[in-house]
Amino acid sequence: MNFLAHAYLSFNEPEILVGNMISDFVKGKKKLDYSPGVQQGIVLHRQIDAFTDDHEATREARKFLKPAVGLYSGAFVDVAYDHFLANDLSSFSDESLRQHAANTYEVLSNYRSILPPVFQNMLPYMQSQNWLYNYKTLAGTESSFGGVVRRAAYLYSSSEVFELFEKHYSSLQKCYNNFFPSVKAFATEKIEQLTNN
């Protein structure tokens, strides 16, 4: 999953949200530098990622994008899932998506001093360009595809994979529809386990 889904699946728990958002930037024993709540968010992020990667719907979705980006297809499916989540009326109205994005930026800003340096540097761009809201639009999704390319070692363009995303839009939407209720239930259960221990 990508940033919007990880924020959403933190269910308004601030420290879990912070850990969930920074997990990819925290390596090895660095996790132990954080409070128990943030550590729980880091663990939750990794559990969600493993669940997502192993899900039958995600394996199906990767097939549509793999011709353009090979083994990176999973990263682009994560972005596609955020696009469909942003447009999922059972999760967000336009106004509640805007509010969710604003609340997420506020929480992250409140914890700015403990964010990993790379994430600290990224946060102003995330907020000023409103990444979380802009997953809703095709232009914002295309821009996020470009971000995946910039972070990838062996990719140089997102145009071909974005064309495949548009071509297979309805099929990818079905994959999201088959996937998201199960990851939401999974994350809810995991948060209950983490916070009750």
N, C-alpha and C. Protein backbone atom coordinates (compact mmCIF):
# COMPACT_ATOMS: atom_id res chain seq x y z
N MET A 1 0.84 -1.19 0.00
CA MET A 1 0.00 0.00 0.00
C MET A 1 0.88 1.24 0.00
N ASN A 2 0.28 2.36 -0.41
CA ASN A 2 1.03 3.61 -0.48
C ASN A 2 0.57 4.55 0.64
N PHE A 3 1.00 5.82 0.61
CA PHE A 3 0.82 6.72 1.75
C PHE A 3 -0.63 6.89 2.19
N LEU A 4 -1.56 7.07 1.24
CA LEU A 4 -2.94 7.32 1.64
C LEU A 4 -3.52 6.13 2.38
N ALA A 5 -3.31 4.94 1.86
CA ALA A 5 -3.86 3.75 2.51
C ALA A 5 -3.23 3.53 3.88
N HIS A 6 -1.93 3.73 4.00
CA HIS A 6 -1.29 3.55 5.31
C HIS A 6 -1.82 4.57 6.32
N ALA A 7 -2.05 5.79 5.87
CA ALA A 7 -2.63 6.79 6.77
C ALA A 7 -4.05 6.38 7.18
N TYR A 8 -4.85 5.98 6.21
CA TYR A 8 -6.24 5.58 6.47
C TYR A 8 -6.30 4.39 7.43
N LEU A 9 -5.41 3.42 7.22
CA LEU A 9 -5.43 2.19 8.01
C LEU A 9 -4.76 2.35 9.37
N SER A 10 -4.43 3.58 9.73
CA SER A 10 -3.96 3.87 11.09
C SER A 10 -5.12 4.25 12.01
N PHE A 11 -6.30 4.46 11.44
CA PHE A 11 -7.55 4.68 12.16
C PHE A 11 -7.43 5.75 13.25
N ASN A 12 -6.82 6.88 12.89
CA ASN A 12 -6.78 8.07 13.75
C ASN A 12 -6.01 7.86 15.06
N GLU A 13 -5.10 6.91 15.07
CA GLU A 13 -4.19 6.73 16.22
C GLU A 13 -2.88 7.46 15.89
N PRO A 14 -2.60 8.61 16.52
CA PRO A 14 -1.48 9.44 16.06
C PRO A 14 -0.13 8.74 15.99
N GLU A 15 0.28 8.05 17.04
CA GLU A 15 1.61 7.43 17.02
C GLU A 15 1.66 6.26 16.04
N ILE A 16 0.56 5.53 15.93
CA ILE A 16 0.51 4.45 14.93
C ILE A 16 0.58 5.05 13.53
N LEU A 17 -0.09 6.18 13.32
CA LEU A 17 -0.01 6.87 12.03
C LEU A 17 1.44 7.25 11.70
N VAL A 18 2.13 7.84 12.65
CA VAL A 18 3.52 8.25 12.41
C VAL A 18 4.36 7.03 12.03
N GLY A 19 4.28 5.96 12.80
CA GLY A 19 5.06 4.77 12.51
C GLY A 19 4.69 4.16 11.17
N ASN A 20 3.41 4.15 10.89
CA ASN A 20 2.91 3.58 9.63
C ASN A 20 3.45 4.36 8.43
N MET A 21 3.56 5.68 8.58
CA MET A 21 4.00 6.52 7.47
C MET A 21 5.51 6.50 7.27
N ILE A 22 6.28 6.31 8.35
CA ILE A 22 7.75 6.40 8.24
C ILE A 22 8.42 5.05 8.10
N SER A 23 7.66 3.97 8.17
CA SER A 23 8.25 2.63 8.27
C SER A 23 9.29 2.33 7.21
N ASP A 24 9.03 2.72 5.96
CA ASP A 24 9.97 2.42 4.87
C ASP A 24 11.30 3.16 5.03
N PHE A 25 11.33 4.15 5.92
CA PHE A 25 12.54 4.96 6.12
C PHE A 25 13.27 4.59 7.41
N VAL A 26 12.80 3.54 8.08
CA VAL A 26 13.38 3.09 9.35
C VAL A 26 13.95 1.70 9.15
N LYS A 27 15.26 1.57 9.23
CA LYS A 27 15.92 0.31 8.94
C LYS A 27 16.41 -0.37 10.21
N GLY A 28 16.26 -1.69 10.25
CA GLY A 28 16.85 -2.51 11.31
C GLY A 28 16.49 -2.06 12.72
N LYS A 29 17.51 -1.96 13.57
CA LYS A 29 17.29 -1.65 14.99
C LYS A 29 16.91 -0.20 15.24
N LYS A 30 16.93 0.64 14.20
CA LYS A 30 16.49 2.03 14.35
C LYS A 30 15.05 2.09 14.86
N LYS A 31 14.29 1.04 14.60
CA LYS A 31 12.91 0.99 15.09
C LYS A 31 12.85 1.19 16.61
N LEU A 32 13.87 0.69 17.29
CA LEU A 32 13.88 0.74 18.76
C LEU A 32 14.13 2.15 19.30
N ASP A 33 14.47 3.09 18.42
CA ASP A 33 14.67 4.48 18.84
C ASP A 33 13.35 5.20 19.09
N TYR A 34 12.25 4.57 18.73
CA TYR A 34 10.95 5.23 18.79
C TYR A 34 10.12 4.73 19.97
N SER A 35 9.10 5.50 20.31
CA SER A 35 8.18 5.13 21.39
C SER A 35 7.44 3.85 21.03
N PRO A 36 6.88 3.15 22.03
CA PRO A 36 6.13 1.93 21.73
C PRO A 36 5.01 2.13 20.71
N GLY A 37 4.31 3.27 20.78
CA GLY A 37 3.22 3.52 19.84
C GLY A 37 3.72 3.65 18.41
N VAL A 38 4.81 4.38 18.21
CA VAL A 38 5.38 4.53 16.87
C VAL A 38 5.92 3.19 16.38
N GLN A 39 6.53 2.43 17.28
CA GLN A 39 7.01 1.09 16.89
C GLN A 39 5.84 0.21 16.43
N GLN A 40 4.70 0.33 17.11
CA GLN A 40 3.52 -0.44 16.69
C GLN A 40 3.10 -0.05 15.28
N GLY A 41 3.18 1.24 14.96
CA GLY A 41 2.85 1.69 13.61
C GLY A 41 3.81 1.15 12.57
N ILE A 42 5.09 1.09 12.92
CA ILE A 42 6.09 0.53 12.01
C ILE A 42 5.80 -0.94 11.75
N VAL A 43 5.48 -1.67 12.81
CA VAL A 43 5.14 -3.10 12.67
C VAL A 43 3.88 -3.26 11.83
N LEU A 44 2.87 -2.44 12.10
CA LEU A 44 1.61 -2.52 11.36
C LEU A 44 1.85 -2.30 9.87
N HIS A 45 2.66 -1.29 9.54
CA HIS A 45 2.97 -1.02 8.13
C HIS A 45 3.52 -2.26 7.45
N ARG A 46 4.45 -2.92 8.10
CA ARG A 46 5.10 -4.08 7.50
C ARG A 46 4.14 -5.26 7.38
N GLN A 47 3.24 -5.39 8.37
CA GLN A 47 2.22 -6.45 8.28
C GLN A 47 1.26 -6.17 7.13
N ILE A 48 0.86 -4.91 6.97
CA ILE A 48 -0.04 -4.54 5.87
C ILE A 48 0.64 -4.80 4.53
N ASP A 49 1.91 -4.43 4.40
CA ASP A 49 2.62 -4.66 3.15
C ASP A 49 2.70 -6.14 2.80
N ALA A 50 3.00 -6.97 3.80
CA ALA A 50 3.09 -8.41 3.55
C ALA A 50 1.73 -8.97 3.15
N PHE A 51 0.67 -8.54 3.84
CA PHE A 51 -0.68 -8.98 3.51
C PHE A 51 -1.05 -8.57 2.10
N THR A 52 -0.72 -7.33 1.74
CA THR A 52 -1.04 -6.81 0.41
C THR A 52 -0.32 -7.60 -0.68
N ASP A 53 0.97 -7.81 -0.49
CA ASP A 53 1.77 -8.51 -1.50
C ASP A 53 1.30 -9.94 -1.72
N ASP A 54 0.80 -10.57 -0.66
CA ASP A 54 0.39 -11.97 -0.75
C ASP A 54 -1.05 -12.16 -1.21
N HIS A 55 -1.79 -11.07 -1.33
CA HIS A 55 -3.22 -11.18 -1.64
C HIS A 55 -3.42 -11.52 -3.12
N GLU A 56 -4.36 -12.39 -3.37
CA GLU A 56 -4.65 -12.84 -4.74
C GLU A 56 -5.00 -11.67 -5.66
N ALA A 57 -5.76 -10.70 -5.16
CA ALA A 57 -6.15 -9.55 -5.99
C ALA A 57 -4.93 -8.72 -6.39
N THR A 58 -3.97 -8.59 -5.50
CA THR A 58 -2.75 -7.84 -5.82
C THR A 58 -1.92 -8.58 -6.85
N ARG A 59 -1.83 -9.87 -6.70
CA ARG A 59 -1.09 -10.66 -7.71
C ARG A 59 -1.73 -10.49 -9.08
N GLU A 60 -3.04 -10.45 -9.12
CA GLU A 60 -3.76 -10.24 -10.38
C GLU A 60 -3.49 -8.83 -10.92
N ALA A 61 -3.54 -7.83 -10.05
CA ALA A 61 -3.33 -6.44 -10.48
C ALA A 61 -1.93 -6.24 -11.05
N ARG A 62 -0.94 -6.89 -10.43
CA ARG A 62 0.44 -6.72 -10.91
C ARG A 62 0.59 -7.18 -12.36
N LYS A 63 -0.19 -8.18 -12.76
CA LYS A 63 -0.08 -8.71 -14.13
C LYS A 63 -0.37 -7.64 -15.18
N PHE A 64 -1.27 -6.72 -14.86
CA PHE A 64 -1.64 -5.69 -15.83
C PHE A 64 -0.52 -4.68 -16.07
N LEU A 65 0.31 -4.45 -15.06
CA LEU A 65 1.35 -3.42 -15.15
C LEU A 65 2.74 -3.99 -15.39
N LYS A 66 2.88 -5.29 -15.17
CA LYS A 66 4.20 -5.91 -15.26
C LYS A 66 4.87 -5.77 -16.63
N PRO A 67 4.13 -5.79 -17.75
CA PRO A 67 4.81 -5.64 -19.06
C PRO A 67 5.65 -4.37 -19.17
N ALA A 68 5.27 -3.32 -18.45
CA ALA A 68 6.00 -2.05 -18.55
C ALA A 68 7.12 -1.93 -17.52
N VAL A 69 6.92 -2.52 -16.33
CA VAL A 69 7.86 -2.23 -15.23
C VAL A 69 8.38 -3.47 -14.51
N GLY A 70 8.04 -4.65 -15.00
CA GLY A 70 8.59 -5.88 -14.44
C GLY A 70 8.35 -6.02 -12.95
N LEU A 71 9.43 -6.27 -12.21
CA LEU A 71 9.33 -6.54 -10.78
C LEU A 71 8.88 -5.33 -9.97
N TYR A 72 8.90 -4.15 -10.56
CA TYR A 72 8.42 -2.96 -9.86
C TYR A 72 6.90 -2.83 -9.91
N SER A 73 6.23 -3.77 -10.55
CA SER A 73 4.77 -3.62 -10.73
C SER A 73 4.04 -3.46 -9.40
N GLY A 74 4.52 -4.11 -8.35
CA GLY A 74 3.86 -3.99 -7.05
C GLY A 74 3.84 -2.57 -6.52
N ALA A 75 4.93 -1.83 -6.73
CA ALA A 75 4.98 -0.44 -6.26
C ALA A 75 3.95 0.42 -6.98
N PHE A 76 3.73 0.15 -8.27
CA PHE A 76 2.74 0.92 -9.02
C PHE A 76 1.32 0.49 -8.66
N VAL A 77 1.12 -0.78 -8.34
CA VAL A 77 -0.20 -1.22 -7.85
C VAL A 77 -0.52 -0.52 -6.54
N ASP A 78 0.48 -0.34 -5.67
CA ASP A 78 0.25 0.38 -4.42
C ASP A 78 -0.30 1.78 -4.69
N VAL A 79 0.28 2.48 -5.67
CA VAL A 79 -0.19 3.83 -6.02
C VAL A 79 -1.60 3.75 -6.61
N ALA A 80 -1.84 2.76 -7.47
CA ALA A 80 -3.17 2.59 -8.05
C ALA A 80 -4.21 2.35 -6.95
N TYR A 81 -3.87 1.54 -5.96
CA TYR A 81 -4.80 1.31 -4.85
C TYR A 81 -5.12 2.62 -4.12
N ASP A 82 -4.13 3.49 -3.94
CA ASP A 82 -4.40 4.78 -3.30
C ASP A 82 -5.36 5.61 -4.14
N HIS A 83 -5.21 5.55 -5.46
CA HIS A 83 -6.13 6.28 -6.35
C HIS A 83 -7.56 5.78 -6.15
N PHE A 84 -7.71 4.46 -6.13
CA PHE A 84 -9.07 3.92 -5.98
C PHE A 84 -9.63 4.17 -4.59
N LEU A 85 -8.76 4.14 -3.56
CA LEU A 85 -9.21 4.46 -2.20
C LEU A 85 -9.69 5.91 -2.13
N ALA A 86 -8.94 6.82 -2.74
CA ALA A 86 -9.32 8.25 -2.72
C ALA A 86 -10.67 8.48 -3.38
N ASN A 87 -11.06 7.61 -4.29
CA ASN A 87 -12.33 7.73 -4.99
C ASN A 87 -13.39 6.77 -4.48
N ASP A 88 -13.10 6.07 -3.38
CA ASP A 88 -14.00 5.07 -2.82
C ASP A 88 -15.01 5.78 -1.91
N LEU A 89 -16.23 5.89 -2.37
CA LEU A 89 -17.24 6.65 -1.62
C LEU A 89 -17.64 5.97 -0.32
N SER A 90 -17.30 4.69 -0.16
CA SER A 90 -17.56 4.03 1.12
C SER A 90 -16.49 4.39 2.15
N SER A 91 -15.39 5.01 1.70
CA SER A 91 -14.33 5.44 2.61
C SER A 91 -14.25 6.96 2.74
N PHE A 92 -14.44 7.67 1.63
CA PHE A 92 -14.25 9.12 1.63
C PHE A 92 -15.29 9.82 0.76
N SER A 93 -15.78 10.95 1.25
CA SER A 93 -16.36 11.96 0.37
C SER A 93 -15.22 12.88 -0.03
N ASP A 94 -15.48 13.78 -0.96
CA ASP A 94 -14.43 14.73 -1.34
C ASP A 94 -13.98 15.53 -0.12
N GLU A 95 -14.93 15.98 0.67
CA GLU A 95 -14.60 16.81 1.84
C GLU A 95 -13.87 15.99 2.90
N SER A 96 -14.30 14.76 3.15
CA SER A 96 -13.64 13.97 4.19
C SER A 96 -12.23 13.56 3.76
N LEU A 97 -12.01 13.40 2.46
CA LEU A 97 -10.65 13.12 1.98
C LEU A 97 -9.76 14.33 2.23
N ARG A 98 -10.27 15.53 1.93
CA ARG A 98 -9.50 16.75 2.21
C ARG A 98 -9.18 16.86 3.70
N GLN A 99 -10.16 16.55 4.54
CA GLN A 99 -9.96 16.65 5.98
C GLN A 99 -8.98 15.60 6.48
N HIS A 100 -9.09 14.39 5.95
CA HIS A 100 -8.16 13.32 6.33
C HIS A 100 -6.73 13.69 5.96
N ALA A 101 -6.56 14.25 4.77
CA ALA A 101 -5.22 14.67 4.35
C ALA A 101 -4.68 15.75 5.29
N ALA A 102 -5.50 16.75 5.59
CA ALA A 102 -5.07 17.84 6.47
C ALA A 102 -4.72 17.32 7.86
N ASN A 103 -5.53 16.42 8.40
CA ASN A 103 -5.27 15.85 9.72
C ASN A 103 -3.97 15.06 9.73
N THR A 104 -3.72 14.32 8.66
CA THR A 104 -2.49 13.53 8.57
C THR A 104 -1.27 14.44 8.56
N TYR A 105 -1.31 15.49 7.76
CA TYR A 105 -0.17 16.43 7.72
C TYR A 105 0.04 17.07 9.08
N GLU A 106 -1.05 17.39 9.77
CA GLU A 106 -0.94 18.03 11.08
C GLU A 106 -0.27 17.10 12.08
N VAL A 107 -0.69 15.84 12.12
CA VAL A 107 -0.07 14.87 13.03
C VAL A 107 1.41 14.71 12.71
N LEU A 108 1.73 14.53 11.44
CA LEU A 108 3.13 14.35 11.05
C LEU A 108 3.96 15.58 11.42
N SER A 109 3.40 16.76 11.24
CA SER A 109 4.12 17.99 11.59
C SER A 109 4.34 18.07 13.10
N ASN A 110 3.37 17.61 13.87
CA ASN A 110 3.52 17.62 15.33
C ASN A 110 4.65 16.70 15.80
N TYR A 111 4.95 15.67 15.01
CA TYR A 111 6.02 14.71 15.35
C TYR A 111 7.27 14.94 14.50
N ARG A 112 7.34 16.11 13.89
CA ARG A 112 8.42 16.38 12.93
C ARG A 112 9.81 16.08 13.48
N SER A 113 10.03 16.40 14.75
CA SER A 113 11.37 16.27 15.33
C SER A 113 11.86 14.83 15.36
N ILE A 114 10.95 13.86 15.33
CA ILE A 114 11.39 12.46 15.40
C ILE A 114 11.34 11.76 14.03
N LEU A 115 10.87 12.46 13.01
CA LEU A 115 10.78 11.83 11.69
C LEU A 115 12.17 11.60 11.13
N PRO A 116 12.37 10.49 10.40
CA PRO A 116 13.67 10.28 9.73
C PRO A 116 13.97 11.45 8.80
N PRO A 117 15.26 11.82 8.66
CA PRO A 117 15.61 13.01 7.87
C PRO A 117 15.02 13.03 6.46
N VAL A 118 15.03 11.88 5.78
CA VAL A 118 14.49 11.85 4.42
C VAL A 118 12.99 12.18 4.43
N PHE A 119 12.29 11.64 5.43
CA PHE A 119 10.85 11.92 5.52
C PHE A 119 10.61 13.37 5.93
N GLN A 120 11.44 13.89 6.84
CA GLN A 120 11.33 15.30 7.22
C GLN A 120 11.43 16.21 6.00
N ASN A 121 12.38 15.89 5.13
CA ASN A 121 12.60 16.71 3.93
C ASN A 121 11.46 16.57 2.93
N MET A 122 10.82 15.40 2.92
CA MET A 122 9.75 15.13 1.96
C MET A 122 8.42 15.74 2.41
N LEU A 123 8.21 15.83 3.72
CA LEU A 123 6.91 16.24 4.26
C LEU A 123 6.42 17.60 3.72
N PRO A 124 7.27 18.63 3.63
CA PRO A 124 6.76 19.91 3.09
C PRO A 124 6.22 19.79 1.67
N TYR A 125 6.85 18.94 0.85
CA TYR A 125 6.37 18.73 -0.52
C TYR A 125 5.05 17.94 -0.51
N MET A 126 5.01 16.93 0.35
CA MET A 126 3.78 16.14 0.48
C MET A 126 2.60 17.04 0.84
N GLN A 127 2.86 17.97 1.76
CA GLN A 127 1.79 18.86 2.22
C GLN A 127 1.46 19.95 1.21
N SER A 128 2.48 20.64 0.69
CA SER A 128 2.22 21.76 -0.20
C SER A 128 1.58 21.30 -1.52
N GLN A 129 1.95 20.08 -1.98
CA GLN A 129 1.37 19.53 -3.20
C GLN A 129 0.17 18.63 -2.91
N ASN A 130 -0.15 18.49 -1.63
CA ASN A 130 -1.31 17.71 -1.16
C ASN A 130 -1.37 16.33 -1.81
N TRP A 131 -0.30 15.58 -1.64
CA TRP A 131 -0.22 14.25 -2.25
C TRP A 131 -1.42 13.38 -1.89
N LEU A 132 -1.81 13.41 -0.61
CA LEU A 132 -2.84 12.47 -0.16
C LEU A 132 -4.17 12.74 -0.85
N TYR A 133 -4.51 14.01 -1.03
CA TYR A 133 -5.75 14.32 -1.73
C TYR A 133 -5.60 14.05 -3.23
N ASN A 134 -4.45 14.36 -3.78
CA ASN A 134 -4.29 14.33 -5.23
C ASN A 134 -4.18 12.92 -5.82
N TYR A 135 -4.10 11.90 -4.96
CA TYR A 135 -4.26 10.54 -5.49
C TYR A 135 -5.62 10.39 -6.17
N LYS A 136 -6.57 11.25 -5.79
CA LYS A 136 -7.94 11.18 -6.33
C LYS A 136 -7.96 11.43 -7.83
N THR A 137 -7.04 12.26 -8.32
CA THR A 137 -7.05 12.66 -9.73
C THR A 137 -6.11 11.79 -10.55
N LEU A 138 -6.39 11.70 -11.84
CA LEU A 138 -5.48 10.98 -12.73
C LEU A 138 -4.13 11.68 -12.81
N ALA A 139 -4.16 13.01 -12.83
CA ALA A 139 -2.90 13.76 -12.90
C ALA A 139 -2.05 13.53 -11.65
N GLY A 140 -2.69 13.52 -10.49
CA GLY A 140 -1.97 13.25 -9.25
C GLY A 140 -1.41 11.84 -9.20
N THR A 141 -2.18 10.90 -9.72
CA THR A 141 -1.72 9.51 -9.76
C THR A 141 -0.55 9.37 -10.73
N GLU A 142 -0.64 10.02 -11.86
CA GLU A 142 0.46 9.99 -12.82
C GLU A 142 1.73 10.59 -12.21
N SER A 143 1.57 11.66 -11.46
CA SER A 143 2.70 12.27 -10.78
C SER A 143 3.31 11.31 -9.76
N SER A 144 2.46 10.58 -9.05
CA SER A 144 2.97 9.59 -8.09
C SER A 144 3.68 8.45 -8.78
N PHE A 145 3.21 8.05 -9.94
CA PHE A 145 3.93 7.05 -10.74
C PHE A 145 5.34 7.56 -11.05
N GLY A 146 5.42 8.85 -11.39
CA GLY A 146 6.72 9.46 -11.65
C GLY A 146 7.63 9.40 -10.43
N GLY A 147 7.04 9.57 -9.24
CA GLY A 147 7.81 9.48 -8.01
C GLY A 147 8.39 8.10 -7.79
N VAL A 148 7.62 7.06 -8.15
CA VAL A 148 8.14 5.69 -8.05
C VAL A 148 9.34 5.52 -8.96
N VAL A 149 9.24 6.05 -10.17
CA VAL A 149 10.34 5.95 -11.13
C VAL A 149 11.60 6.63 -10.58
N ARG A 150 11.42 7.81 -9.99
CA ARG A 150 12.59 8.55 -9.47
C ARG A 150 13.29 7.78 -8.36
N ARG A 151 12.55 6.99 -7.59
CA ARG A 151 13.16 6.23 -6.49
C ARG A 151 13.69 4.87 -6.95
N ALA A 152 13.34 4.45 -8.15
CA ALA A 152 13.72 3.12 -8.64
C ALA A 152 15.09 3.16 -9.31
N ALA A 153 15.81 2.07 -9.18
CA ALA A 153 17.18 2.02 -9.71
C ALA A 153 17.20 1.84 -11.23
N TYR A 154 16.23 1.12 -11.78
CA TYR A 154 16.33 0.71 -13.19
C TYR A 154 15.14 1.15 -14.03
N LEU A 155 14.41 2.16 -13.57
CA LEU A 155 13.29 2.69 -14.36
C LEU A 155 13.60 4.13 -14.77
N TYR A 156 13.15 4.50 -15.95
CA TYR A 156 13.49 5.82 -16.47
C TYR A 156 12.28 6.62 -16.93
N SER A 157 11.12 5.98 -17.03
CA SER A 157 9.93 6.67 -17.47
C SER A 157 8.69 5.98 -16.91
N SER A 158 7.68 6.78 -16.59
CA SER A 158 6.41 6.20 -16.09
C SER A 158 5.32 6.23 -17.15
N SER A 159 5.63 6.72 -18.35
CA SER A 159 4.57 6.93 -19.34
C SER A 159 3.94 5.60 -19.77
N GLU A 160 4.77 4.58 -19.99
CA GLU A 160 4.22 3.30 -20.47
C GLU A 160 3.37 2.63 -19.40
N VAL A 161 3.83 2.66 -18.15
CA VAL A 161 3.05 2.02 -17.09
C VAL A 161 1.77 2.81 -16.82
N PHE A 162 1.80 4.12 -16.96
CA PHE A 162 0.57 4.90 -16.78
C PHE A 162 -0.43 4.60 -17.89
N GLU A 163 0.06 4.39 -19.10
CA GLU A 163 -0.83 4.00 -20.20
C GLU A 163 -1.51 2.66 -19.88
N LEU A 164 -0.75 1.72 -19.32
CA LEU A 164 -1.34 0.43 -18.94
C LEU A 164 -2.36 0.60 -17.81
N PHE A 165 -2.07 1.49 -16.87
CA PHE A 165 -3.01 1.79 -15.79
C PHE A 165 -4.33 2.30 -16.37
N GLU A 166 -4.26 3.22 -17.33
CA GLU A 166 -5.48 3.74 -17.94
C GLU A 166 -6.19 2.68 -18.77
N LYS A 167 -5.41 1.89 -19.50
CA LYS A 167 -5.99 0.86 -20.36
C LYS A 167 -6.74 -0.19 -19.54
N HIS A 168 -6.19 -0.56 -18.39
CA HIS A 168 -6.77 -1.63 -17.57
C HIS A 168 -7.47 -1.08 -16.32
N TYR A 169 -7.91 0.17 -16.43
CA TYR A 169 -8.46 0.86 -15.25
C TYR A 169 -9.58 0.06 -14.59
N SER A 170 -10.53 -0.40 -15.37
CA SER A 170 -11.68 -1.10 -14.77
C SER A 170 -11.27 -2.42 -14.14
N SER A 171 -10.33 -3.11 -14.75
CA SER A 171 -9.84 -4.38 -14.17
C SER A 171 -9.08 -4.13 -12.87
N LEU A 172 -8.27 -3.06 -12.85
CA LEU A 172 -7.55 -2.71 -11.63
C LEU A 172 -8.51 -2.26 -10.54
N GLN A 173 -9.57 -1.57 -10.94
CA GLN A 173 -10.61 -1.17 -9.97
C GLN A 173 -11.23 -2.41 -9.32
N LYS A 174 -11.49 -3.44 -10.13
CA LYS A 174 -12.05 -4.68 -9.57
C LYS A 174 -11.09 -5.33 -8.60
N CYS A 175 -9.80 -5.31 -8.93
CA CYS A 175 -8.80 -5.86 -8.01
C CYS A 175 -8.84 -5.12 -6.68
N TYR A 176 -8.90 -3.79 -6.75
CA TYR A 176 -9.01 -2.99 -5.52
C TYR A 176 -10.28 -3.36 -4.74
N ASN A 177 -11.40 -3.46 -5.44
CA ASN A 177 -12.67 -3.78 -4.78
C ASN A 177 -12.61 -5.14 -4.09
N ASN A 178 -11.90 -6.08 -4.69
CA ASN A 178 -11.77 -7.41 -4.11
C ASN A 178 -10.78 -7.44 -2.95
N PHE A 179 -9.89 -6.46 -2.93
CA PHE A 179 -8.81 -6.45 -1.95
C PHE A 179 -9.10 -5.61 -0.71
N PHE A 180 -9.61 -4.39 -0.89
CA PHE A 180 -9.54 -3.42 0.19
C PHE A 180 -10.35 -3.81 1.43
N PRO A 181 -11.56 -4.37 1.31
CA PRO A 181 -12.26 -4.75 2.53
C PRO A 181 -11.46 -5.74 3.39
N SER A 182 -10.72 -6.62 2.75
CA SER A 182 -9.96 -7.61 3.53
C SER A 182 -8.77 -6.96 4.23
N VAL A 183 -8.09 -6.01 3.59
CA VAL A 183 -6.95 -5.37 4.26
C VAL A 183 -7.45 -4.45 5.38
N LYS A 184 -8.61 -3.85 5.20
CA LYS A 184 -9.18 -3.02 6.26
C LYS A 184 -9.50 -3.87 7.50
N ALA A 185 -10.10 -5.03 7.28
CA ALA A 185 -10.39 -5.93 8.40
C ALA A 185 -9.10 -6.43 9.05
N PHE A 186 -8.11 -6.75 8.23
CA PHE A 186 -6.81 -7.22 8.72
C PHE A 186 -6.15 -6.14 9.59
N ALA A 187 -6.12 -4.90 9.11
CA ALA A 187 -5.47 -3.81 9.86
C ALA A 187 -6.21 -3.53 11.16
N THR A 188 -7.53 -3.58 11.12
CA THR A 188 -8.32 -3.36 12.33
C THR A 188 -7.96 -4.40 13.39
N GLU A 189 -7.88 -5.65 12.99
CA GLU A 189 -7.53 -6.73 13.91
C GLU A 189 -6.12 -6.55 14.46
N LYS A 190 -5.17 -6.20 13.58
CA LYS A 190 -3.78 -6.05 14.02
C LYS A 190 -3.62 -4.88 14.99
N ILE A 191 -4.32 -3.76 14.73
CA ILE A 191 -4.24 -2.64 15.66
C ILE A 191 -4.78 -3.03 17.03
N GLU A 192 -5.86 -3.77 17.05
CA GLU A 192 -6.40 -4.24 18.34
C GLU A 192 -5.39 -5.11 19.07
N GLN A 193 -4.72 -5.99 18.34
CA GLN A 193 -3.70 -6.86 18.95
C GLN A 193 -2.53 -6.04 19.47
N LEU A 194 -2.05 -5.09 18.65
CA LEU A 194 -0.88 -4.30 19.03
C LEU A 194 -1.15 -3.41 20.22
N THR A 195 -2.33 -2.77 20.24
CA THR A 195 -2.60 -1.80 21.29
C THR A 195 -3.07 -2.46 22.59
N ASN A 196 -3.45 -3.73 22.53
CA ASN A 196 -3.90 -4.42 23.74
C ASN A 196 -2.78 -5.21 24.41
N ASN A 197 -1.59 -5.23 23.77
CA ASN A 197 -0.46 -5.97 24.37
C ASN A 197 0.32 -5.06 25.31
